[in-house]
Amino acid sequence: MLGTHSTGKTTLLKRIETQLRAHGVAVARTGRIAKRAAGIGLPKMTQHTAASTEWITAQGIADEIAAATTADAEVVLADRAPLDALAYLHAALEYRGEHLDRLESERLRLLVATQLPKYDLLLATVLDESVPVDESHTYDARYRRLVDRHVHQLLTDDAIPHHRVTSDHDGQSRAVERALELCLRGAVL
């Protein structure tokens, strides 16, 4: 799962997890990586850096590996695939009018790419600005749009198979159905 903040990623994963468990599938989940990054003082949102991106990417990969090796896990649901961190970095750089050194950019893309073949399904939420966000969070609307654009641009530029998930009921239901279809056939998310 990936996409800009407050687009329903975690809520959708909870729906998928509930449905899978109802079918007797053992599920492991990753998540809360942004909160952990902030907890150790890494810059976030518009201040995202190459170093914070590398930490988030490496930690996300480690979390997915740990979840996959859980004795009873048949399916791993990853809340924020590593590609997500790269999109946040690109958005932050554009927001600040900065550029990343070409070699550093390639190195981070390669790190992210190591995980992509492991996914049977990537769900990418689509920003719908008409949906209200949690008022306890203060979000920069421009940055949020930039993240959304960079998420979908990275997926498209690298021809990464994925499903776009809209915020409407039908879009959410199709994502849940697709995940169930794959998982009940024995695939891993």
C-alpha atoms as a PDB file:
ATOM      1  CA  MET A   1       0.000   0.000   0.000  1.00  0.00           C
ATOM      2  CA  LEU A   2       1.259   3.447  -0.818  1.00  0.00           C
ATOM      3  CA  GLY A   3      -0.033   6.965  -1.379  1.00  0.00           C
ATOM      4  CA  THR A   4      -0.020  10.431   0.066  1.00  0.00           C
ATOM      5  CA  HIS A   5      -1.021  11.017   3.676  1.00  0.00           C
ATOM      6  CA  SER A   6      -4.649  10.777   4.789  1.00  0.00           C
ATOM      7  CA  THR A   7      -5.943   8.975   1.711  1.00  0.00           C
ATOM      8  CA  GLY A   8      -7.275   5.928   3.569  1.00  0.00           C
ATOM      9  CA  LYS A   9      -4.339   3.504   3.270  1.00  0.00           C
ATOM     10  CA  THR A  10      -4.444   2.192   6.832  1.00  0.00           C
ATOM     11  CA  THR A  11      -8.243   2.039   6.895  1.00  0.00           C
ATOM     12  CA  LEU A  12      -8.255   0.071   3.645  1.00  0.00           C
ATOM     13  CA  LEU A  13      -5.605  -2.335   4.956  1.00  0.00           C
ATOM     14  CA  LYS A  14      -7.715  -2.898   8.073  1.00  0.00           C
ATOM     15  CA  ARG A  15     -10.688  -3.779   5.843  1.00  0.00           C
ATOM     16  CA  ILE A  16      -8.565  -6.217   3.854  1.00  0.00           C
ATOM     17  CA  GLU A  17      -7.130  -7.729   7.026  1.00  0.00           C
ATOM     18  CA  THR A  18     -10.606  -8.186   8.547  1.00  0.00           C
ATOM     19  CA  GLN A  19     -11.869  -9.916   5.396  1.00  0.00           C
ATOM     20  CA  LEU A  20      -8.828 -12.187   5.190  1.00  0.00           C
ATOM     21  CA  ARG A  21      -9.099 -13.193   8.844  1.00  0.00           C
ATOM     22  CA  ALA A  22     -12.803 -13.933   8.294  1.00  0.00           C
ATOM     23  CA  HIS A  23     -11.663 -16.422   5.629  1.00  0.00           C
ATOM     24  CA  GLY A  24      -9.197 -18.021   8.065  1.00  0.00           C
ATOM     25  CA  VAL A  25      -6.064 -16.445   6.550  1.00  0.00           C
ATOM     26  CA  ALA A  26      -3.237 -15.638   8.982  1.00  0.00           C
ATOM     27  CA  VAL A  27      -2.171 -12.024   8.399  1.00  0.00           C
ATOM     28  CA  ALA A  28       0.909 -10.066   9.459  1.00  0.00           C
ATOM     29  CA  ARG A  29       1.081  -6.289   9.018  1.00  0.00           C
ATOM     30  CA  THR A  30       3.709  -3.602   8.932  1.00  0.00           C
ATOM     31  CA  GLY A  31       3.155   0.050   9.631  1.00  0.00           C
ATOM     32  CA  ARG A  32       3.698   3.162  11.703  1.00  0.00           C
ATOM     33  CA  ILE A  33       7.117   3.669  10.157  1.00  0.00           C
ATOM     34  CA  ALA A  34       6.686   7.437   9.735  1.00  0.00           C
ATOM     35  CA  LYS A  35       5.865   7.760  13.435  1.00  0.00           C
ATOM     36  CA  ARG A  36       8.976   5.748  14.352  1.00  0.00           C
ATOM     37  CA  ALA A  37      11.120   7.898  12.037  1.00  0.00           C
ATOM     38  CA  ALA A  38       9.791  11.060  13.658  1.00  0.00           C
ATOM     39  CA  GLY A  39      10.398   9.494  17.081  1.00  0.00           C
ATOM     40  CA  ILE A  40      14.126   9.273  16.413  1.00  0.00           C
ATOM     41  CA  GLY A  41      14.226  12.804  15.048  1.00  0.00           C
ATOM     42  CA  LEU A  42      14.361  12.190  11.305  1.00  0.00           C
ATOM     43  CA  PRO A  43      13.017  15.038   9.188  1.00  0.00           C
ATOM     44  CA  LYS A  44       9.587  14.438   7.730  1.00  0.00           C
ATOM     45  CA  MET A  45       7.112  15.767   5.213  1.00  0.00           C
ATOM     46  CA  THR A  46       8.470  18.855   3.432  1.00  0.00           C
ATOM     47  CA  GLN A  47      11.836  18.418   5.199  1.00  0.00           C
ATOM     48  CA  HIS A  48      12.329  14.802   4.007  1.00  0.00           C
ATOM     49  CA  THR A  49      15.987  14.093   3.111  1.00  0.00           C
ATOM     50  CA  ALA A  50      17.941  11.364   1.340  1.00  0.00           C
ATOM     51  CA  ALA A  51      19.080  10.074   4.753  1.00  0.00           C
ATOM     52  CA  SER A  52      15.538   9.900   6.160  1.00  0.00           C
ATOM     53  CA  THR A  53      14.387   8.225   2.949  1.00  0.00           C
ATOM     54  CA  GLU A  54      17.134   5.626   3.229  1.00  0.00           C
ATOM     55  CA  TRP A  55      16.275   4.890   6.874  1.00  0.00           C
ATOM     56  CA  ILE A  56      12.547   4.606   6.158  1.00  0.00           C
ATOM     57  CA  THR A  57      13.180   2.398   3.125  1.00  0.00           C
ATOM     58  CA  ALA A  58      15.609   0.079   4.923  1.00  0.00           C
ATOM     59  CA  GLN A  59      13.388  -0.122   8.010  1.00  0.00           C
ATOM     60  CA  GLY A  60      10.329  -0.811   5.856  1.00  0.00           C
ATOM     61  CA  ILE A  61      12.133  -3.639   4.082  1.00  0.00           C
ATOM     62  CA  ALA A  62      13.289  -5.065   7.419  1.00  0.00           C
ATOM     63  CA  ASP A  63       9.729  -4.842   8.783  1.00  0.00           C
ATOM     64  CA  GLU A  64       8.370  -6.692   5.752  1.00  0.00           C
ATOM     65  CA  ILE A  65      10.997  -9.429   6.064  1.00  0.00           C
ATOM     66  CA  ALA A  66      10.254  -9.817   9.780  1.00  0.00           C
ATOM     67  CA  ALA A  67       6.504  -9.978   9.130  1.00  0.00           C
ATOM     68  CA  ALA A  68       6.990 -12.556   6.360  1.00  0.00           C
ATOM     69  CA  THR A  69       9.021 -14.803   8.660  1.00  0.00           C
ATOM     70  CA  THR A  70       6.354 -14.831  11.348  1.00  0.00           C
ATOM     71  CA  ALA A  71       5.598 -18.506  11.870  1.00  0.00           C
ATOM     72  CA  ASP A  72       1.878 -18.366  11.123  1.00  0.00           C
ATOM     73  CA  ALA A  73       1.736 -15.499   8.587  1.00  0.00           C
ATOM     74  CA  GLU A  74       0.274 -16.517   5.245  1.00  0.00           C
ATOM     75  CA  VAL A  75      -0.092 -12.940   3.998  1.00  0.00           C
ATOM     76  CA  VAL A  76       1.856  -9.770   4.731  1.00  0.00           C
ATOM     77  CA  LEU A  77       0.088  -6.432   4.399  1.00  0.00           C
ATOM     78  CA  ALA A  78       2.635  -3.630   4.094  1.00  0.00           C
ATOM     79  CA  ASP A  79       1.373  -0.213   5.130  1.00  0.00           C
ATOM     80  CA  ARG A  80       3.629   2.003   3.009  1.00  0.00           C
ATOM     81  CA  ALA A  81       5.772   0.143   0.509  1.00  0.00           C
ATOM     82  CA  PRO A  82       9.349   1.516   0.271  1.00  0.00           C
ATOM     83  CA  LEU A  83       8.529   3.306  -2.990  1.00  0.00           C
ATOM     84  CA  ASP A  84       6.335   5.586  -0.882  1.00  0.00           C
ATOM     85  CA  ALA A  85       9.382   7.072   0.898  1.00  0.00           C
ATOM     86  CA  LEU A  86      10.998   7.855  -2.435  1.00  0.00           C
ATOM     87  CA  ALA A  87       7.865   9.702  -3.576  1.00  0.00           C
ATOM     88  CA  TYR A  88       7.868  11.719  -0.353  1.00  0.00           C
ATOM     89  CA  LEU A  89      11.514  12.656  -0.944  1.00  0.00           C
ATOM     90  CA  HIS A  90      10.896  13.742  -4.539  1.00  0.00           C
ATOM     91  CA  ALA A  91       7.900  15.801  -3.386  1.00  0.00           C
ATOM     92  CA  ALA A  92       9.930  17.442  -0.593  1.00  0.00           C
ATOM     93  CA  LEU A  93      12.758  18.311  -2.967  1.00  0.00           C
ATOM     94  CA  GLU A  94      10.345  19.831  -5.478  1.00  0.00           C
ATOM     95  CA  TYR A  95       8.560  21.682  -2.690  1.00  0.00           C
ATOM     96  CA  ARG A  96      11.866  23.208  -1.531  1.00  0.00           C
ATOM     97  CA  GLY A  97      13.138  23.804  -5.072  1.00  0.00           C
ATOM     98  CA  GLU A  98      16.080  21.441  -4.561  1.00  0.00           C
ATOM     99  CA  HIS A  99      17.537  18.565  -6.543  1.00  0.00           C
ATOM    100  CA  LEU A 100      19.156  15.314  -5.498  1.00  0.00           C
ATOM    101  CA  ASP A 101      22.532  14.299  -6.832  1.00  0.00           C
ATOM    102  CA  ARG A 102      22.053  11.809  -9.710  1.00  0.00           C
ATOM    103  CA  LEU A 103      24.104   9.044  -8.045  1.00  0.00           C
ATOM    104  CA  GLU A 104      22.264   9.427  -4.739  1.00  0.00           C
ATOM    105  CA  SER A 105      18.951   9.329  -6.579  1.00  0.00           C
ATOM    106  CA  GLU A 106      19.930   6.167  -8.461  1.00  0.00           C
ATOM    107  CA  ARG A 107      21.174   4.526  -5.258  1.00  0.00           C
ATOM    108  CA  LEU A 108      17.870   5.166  -3.475  1.00  0.00           C
ATOM    109  CA  ARG A 109      15.861   3.931  -6.487  1.00  0.00           C
ATOM    110  CA  LEU A 110      17.901   0.714  -6.510  1.00  0.00           C
ATOM    111  CA  LEU A 111      17.321   0.205  -2.792  1.00  0.00           C
ATOM    112  CA  VAL A 112      13.581   0.616  -3.301  1.00  0.00           C
ATOM    113  CA  ALA A 113      13.622  -1.641  -6.377  1.00  0.00           C
ATOM    114  CA  THR A 114      15.007  -4.576  -4.369  1.00  0.00           C
ATOM    115  CA  GLN A 115      11.628  -5.008  -2.714  1.00  0.00           C
ATOM    116  CA  LEU A 116       9.304  -4.548  -5.694  1.00  0.00           C
ATOM    117  CA  PRO A 117       9.513  -8.129  -7.057  1.00  0.00           C
ATOM    118  CA  LYS A 118       8.194  -9.454  -3.745  1.00  0.00           C
ATOM    119  CA  TYR A 119       4.775  -7.826  -4.107  1.00  0.00           C
ATOM    120  CA  ASP A 120       1.892  -9.691  -5.648  1.00  0.00           C
ATOM    121  CA  LEU A 121      -0.266  -6.582  -5.439  1.00  0.00           C
ATOM    122  CA  LEU A 122       0.517  -2.901  -5.013  1.00  0.00           C
ATOM    123  CA  LEU A 123      -2.372  -0.627  -4.136  1.00  0.00           C
ATOM    124  CA  ALA A 124      -1.826   3.101  -4.637  1.00  0.00           C
ATOM    125  CA  THR A 125      -4.404   5.465  -3.206  1.00  0.00           C
ATOM    126  CA  VAL A 126      -5.453   8.468  -5.267  1.00  0.00           C
ATOM    127  CA  LEU A 127      -5.778  11.849  -3.582  1.00  0.00           C
ATOM    128  CA  ASP A 128      -9.325  13.187  -3.499  1.00  0.00           C
ATOM    129  CA  GLU A 129      -9.173  16.674  -2.040  1.00  0.00           C
ATOM    130  CA  SER A 130     -12.937  16.759  -1.591  1.00  0.00           C
ATOM    131  CA  VAL A 131     -12.592  14.184   1.206  1.00  0.00           C
ATOM    132  CA  PRO A 132     -11.980  16.010   4.500  1.00  0.00           C
ATOM    133  CA  VAL A 133      -8.801  15.177   6.416  1.00  0.00           C
ATOM    134  CA  ASP A 134      -8.539  14.592  10.131  1.00  0.00           C
ATOM    135  CA  GLU A 135      -8.527  18.082  11.631  1.00  0.00           C
ATOM    136  CA  SER A 136      -6.055  17.043  14.333  1.00  0.00           C
ATOM    137  CA  HIS A 137      -3.399  17.035  11.587  1.00  0.00           C
ATOM    138  CA  THR A 138      -2.167  20.104   9.789  1.00  0.00           C
ATOM    139  CA  TYR A 139      -1.289  19.285   6.211  1.00  0.00           C
ATOM    140  CA  ASP A 140       0.228  21.457   3.548  1.00  0.00           C
ATOM    141  CA  ALA A 141      -2.181  20.949   0.626  1.00  0.00           C
ATOM    142  CA  ARG A 142       0.473  21.701  -1.989  1.00  0.00           C
ATOM    143  CA  TYR A 143       2.890  19.157  -0.526  1.00  0.00           C
ATOM    144  CA  ARG A 144       0.137  16.559  -0.278  1.00  0.00           C
ATOM    145  CA  ARG A 145      -0.626  17.031  -3.990  1.00  0.00           C
ATOM    146  CA  LEU A 146       3.075  16.754  -4.843  1.00  0.00           C
ATOM    147  CA  VAL A 147       3.380  13.453  -2.964  1.00  0.00           C
ATOM    148  CA  ASP A 148       0.322  12.086  -4.765  1.00  0.00           C
ATOM    149  CA  ARG A 149       1.750  13.108  -8.145  1.00  0.00           C
ATOM    150  CA  HIS A 150       5.185  11.626  -7.379  1.00  0.00           C
ATOM    151  CA  VAL A 151       3.729   8.330  -6.126  1.00  0.00           C
ATOM    152  CA  HIS A 152       1.818   7.813  -9.359  1.00  0.00           C
ATOM    153  CA  GLN A 153       4.625   9.168 -11.534  1.00  0.00           C
ATOM    154  CA  LEU A 154       7.190   6.753 -10.053  1.00  0.00           C
ATOM    155  CA  LEU A 155       4.807   3.835 -10.576  1.00  0.00           C
ATOM    156  CA  THR A 156       4.143   4.890 -14.170  1.00  0.00           C
ATOM    157  CA  ASP A 157       7.738   5.832 -15.086  1.00  0.00           C
ATOM    158  CA  ASP A 158       9.052   2.454 -13.946  1.00  0.00           C
ATOM    159  CA  ALA A 159       6.030   0.557 -15.332  1.00  0.00           C
ATOM    160  CA  ILE A 160       5.386  -0.973 -11.910  1.00  0.00           C
ATOM    161  CA  PRO A 161       2.176  -3.013 -11.928  1.00  0.00           C
ATOM    162  CA  HIS A 162      -0.278  -1.517  -9.454  1.00  0.00           C
ATOM    163  CA  HIS A 163      -3.929  -0.752  -8.858  1.00  0.00           C
ATOM    164  CA  ARG A 164      -5.055   2.819  -8.315  1.00  0.00           C
ATOM    165  CA  VAL A 165      -7.520   3.044  -5.440  1.00  0.00           C
ATOM    166  CA  THR A 166      -9.982   5.889  -5.392  1.00  0.00           C
ATOM    167  CA  SER A 167     -11.666   7.064  -2.205  1.00  0.00           C
ATOM    168  CA  ASP A 168     -15.187   6.201  -3.366  1.00  0.00           C
ATOM    169  CA  HIS A 169     -16.981   3.089  -2.114  1.00  0.00           C
ATOM    170  CA  ASP A 170     -16.627   1.236  -5.431  1.00  0.00           C
ATOM    171  CA  GLY A 171     -12.895   1.947  -5.674  1.00  0.00           C
ATOM    172  CA  GLN A 172     -12.323   0.747  -2.124  1.00  0.00           C
ATOM    173  CA  SER A 173     -14.465  -2.363  -2.647  1.00  0.00           C
ATOM    174  CA  ARG A 174     -12.614  -3.292  -5.853  1.00  0.00           C
ATOM    175  CA  ALA A 175      -9.307  -3.057  -3.977  1.00  0.00           C
ATOM    176  CA  VAL A 176     -10.582  -5.318  -1.196  1.00  0.00           C
ATOM    177  CA  GLU A 177     -11.963  -7.823  -3.724  1.00  0.00           C
ATOM    178  CA  ARG A 178      -8.678  -7.882  -5.683  1.00  0.00           C
ATOM    179  CA  ALA A 179      -6.677  -8.458  -2.495  1.00  0.00           C
ATOM    180  CA  LEU A 180      -9.004 -11.240  -1.364  1.00  0.00           C
ATOM    181  CA  GLU A 181      -8.879 -12.886  -4.764  1.00  0.00           C
ATOM    182  CA  LEU A 182      -5.076 -12.975  -4.715  1.00  0.00           C
ATOM    183  CA  CYS A 183      -4.739 -14.005  -1.089  1.00  0.00           C
ATOM    184  CA  LEU A 184      -7.293 -16.745  -1.197  1.00  0.00           C
ATOM    185  CA  ARG A 185      -5.323 -18.228  -4.109  1.00  0.00           C
ATOM    186  CA  GLY A 186      -2.221 -18.270  -1.884  1.00  0.00           C
ATOM    187  CA  ALA A 187      -0.428 -15.150  -3.070  1.00  0.00           C
ATOM    188  CA  VAL A 188       1.340 -12.729  -0.741  1.00  0.00           C
ATOM    189  CA  LEU A 189       0.576  -8.983  -0.702  1.00  0.00           C
END
